[in-house]
């Protein structure tokens, strides 16, 4: 069973981004409590004052499908929509290999295996 990663960039009114992030905590916590959720985070982009970066990691396609049916997802979707979305791009990735970035000597490696 392959893990699923989601990377998204959501642009909102820059004057409301901090509020959007702060008030999203309840939705983030709800997603993190779902079965199959490994990681779920929203953060402010350091380079774009409008951007919220979203990163998710799910145990499987089935776990992600369940998330899309869960009230946490619906609440999050409705929540972020109230902050003046000007752009939104999201992509999902099925992970076929996984390895540490740094080897035993502390050196970064692009290789898998």
Protein backbone atom coordinates (compact mmCIF):
# COMPACT_ATOMS: atom_id res chain seq x y z
CA UNK A 1 0.00 0.00 0.00
CA UNK A 2 1.49 3.33 -1.09
CA UNK A 3 1.37 6.49 0.98
CA UNK A 4 -0.25 9.57 -0.50
CA UNK A 5 1.24 13.08 -0.23
CA UNK A 6 -0.62 16.29 -0.98
CA UNK A 7 1.07 19.61 -1.62
CA UNK A 8 -1.12 22.68 -2.05
CA UNK A 9 -0.69 26.42 -2.30
CA UNK A 10 -3.70 28.57 -1.46
CA UNK A 11 -3.55 32.33 -1.93
CA UNK A 12 -5.90 34.46 0.16
CA UNK A 13 -6.25 38.13 1.00
CA UNK A 14 -2.85 38.89 2.63
CA UNK A 15 -4.56 41.01 5.28
CA UNK A 16 -6.53 37.93 6.37
CA UNK A 17 -3.94 35.15 6.04
CA UNK A 18 -2.93 35.17 9.73
CA UNK A 19 -6.59 34.94 10.77
CA UNK A 20 -7.19 32.12 8.28
CA UNK A 21 -4.29 30.14 9.73
CA UNK A 22 -5.15 30.80 13.37
CA UNK A 23 -8.81 29.87 13.00
CA UNK A 24 -7.92 26.77 10.93
CA UNK A 25 -6.45 25.01 13.97
CA UNK A 26 -9.70 23.21 14.78
CA UNK A 27 -9.88 21.83 11.23
CA UNK A 28 -6.22 20.82 11.22
CA UNK A 29 -6.64 19.04 14.56
CA UNK A 30 -9.72 17.22 13.24
CA UNK A 31 -7.83 16.00 10.17
CA UNK A 32 -4.88 14.87 12.30
CA UNK A 33 -7.30 12.79 14.40
CA UNK A 34 -8.60 10.90 11.37
CA UNK A 35 -7.61 7.29 10.84
CA UNK A 36 -4.79 7.09 8.31
CA UNK A 37 -3.59 10.69 8.67
CA UNK A 38 0.17 10.78 9.23
CA UNK A 39 0.77 14.51 8.78
CA UNK A 40 -1.44 17.52 8.06
CA UNK A 41 -0.16 21.09 8.23
CA UNK A 42 -0.96 24.59 6.99
CA UNK A 43 1.75 27.23 7.15
CA UNK A 44 2.46 30.76 5.96
CA UNK A 45 4.77 31.02 2.98
CA UNK A 46 7.86 33.08 3.83
CA UNK A 47 8.10 34.47 0.29
CA UNK A 48 4.47 35.30 -0.58
CA UNK A 49 2.30 37.24 1.92
CA UNK A 50 -0.91 35.79 0.46
CA UNK A 51 0.12 32.13 0.34
CA UNK A 52 -0.78 29.29 2.66
CA UNK A 53 1.20 26.10 2.05
CA UNK A 54 -0.57 22.84 2.81
CA UNK A 55 1.22 19.52 3.30
CA UNK A 56 -0.57 16.26 3.96
CA UNK A 57 0.58 12.65 4.31
CA UNK A 58 -1.91 9.77 4.30
CA UNK A 59 -1.37 6.04 4.86
CA UNK A 60 -3.26 5.08 1.69
CA UNK A 61 -5.67 6.11 -1.05
CA UNK A 62 -8.45 4.64 1.10
CA UNK A 63 -7.51 6.90 4.03
CA UNK A 64 -7.50 9.95 1.76
CA UNK A 65 -10.88 8.96 0.29
CA UNK A 66 -12.30 8.67 3.81
CA UNK A 67 -10.88 12.12 4.63
CA UNK A 68 -12.72 13.62 1.64
CA UNK A 69 -16.00 12.26 3.10
CA UNK A 70 -15.24 13.38 6.67
CA UNK A 71 -16.75 16.51 8.26
CA UNK A 72 -13.17 17.73 8.93
CA UNK A 73 -12.54 18.07 5.20
CA UNK A 74 -15.87 19.75 4.54
CA UNK A 75 -15.31 22.16 7.44
CA UNK A 76 -11.81 23.01 6.22
CA UNK A 77 -13.03 23.60 2.67
CA UNK A 78 -15.80 25.92 3.85
CA UNK A 79 -13.46 27.67 6.32
CA UNK A 80 -10.74 28.62 3.85
CA UNK A 81 -13.32 29.77 1.32
CA UNK A 82 -14.28 32.64 3.63
CA UNK A 83 -10.86 34.31 3.31
CA UNK A 84 -10.92 35.52 -0.28
CA UNK A 85 -9.17 32.76 -2.24
CA UNK A 86 -7.44 34.28 -5.27
CA UNK A 87 -5.61 31.12 -6.36
CA UNK A 88 -5.44 27.49 -5.32
CA UNK A 89 -3.30 24.69 -6.69
CA UNK A 90 -3.15 21.24 -5.17
CA UNK A 91 -1.48 18.03 -6.32
CA UNK A 92 -1.44 14.52 -4.89
CA UNK A 93 1.43 12.07 -5.18
CA UNK A 94 1.52 8.32 -4.64
CA UNK A 95 4.80 7.36 -2.96
CA UNK A 96 6.55 4.31 -4.40
CA UNK A 97 9.84 4.70 -2.51
CA UNK A 98 10.95 6.26 0.75
CA UNK A 99 14.41 6.82 2.24
CA UNK A 100 16.19 9.21 4.60
CA UNK A 101 17.66 12.38 3.10
CA UNK A 102 20.90 12.07 5.08
CA UNK A 103 23.10 8.97 5.19
CA UNK A 104 24.87 7.58 8.25
CA UNK A 105 27.73 10.05 7.75
CA UNK A 106 25.29 12.99 7.76
CA UNK A 107 25.62 13.63 4.03
CA UNK A 108 22.58 14.33 1.86
CA UNK A 109 21.74 11.76 -0.80
CA UNK A 110 19.27 11.87 -3.67
CA UNK A 111 19.41 8.08 -4.05
CA UNK A 112 16.79 5.60 -2.88
CA UNK A 113 18.43 2.47 -1.62
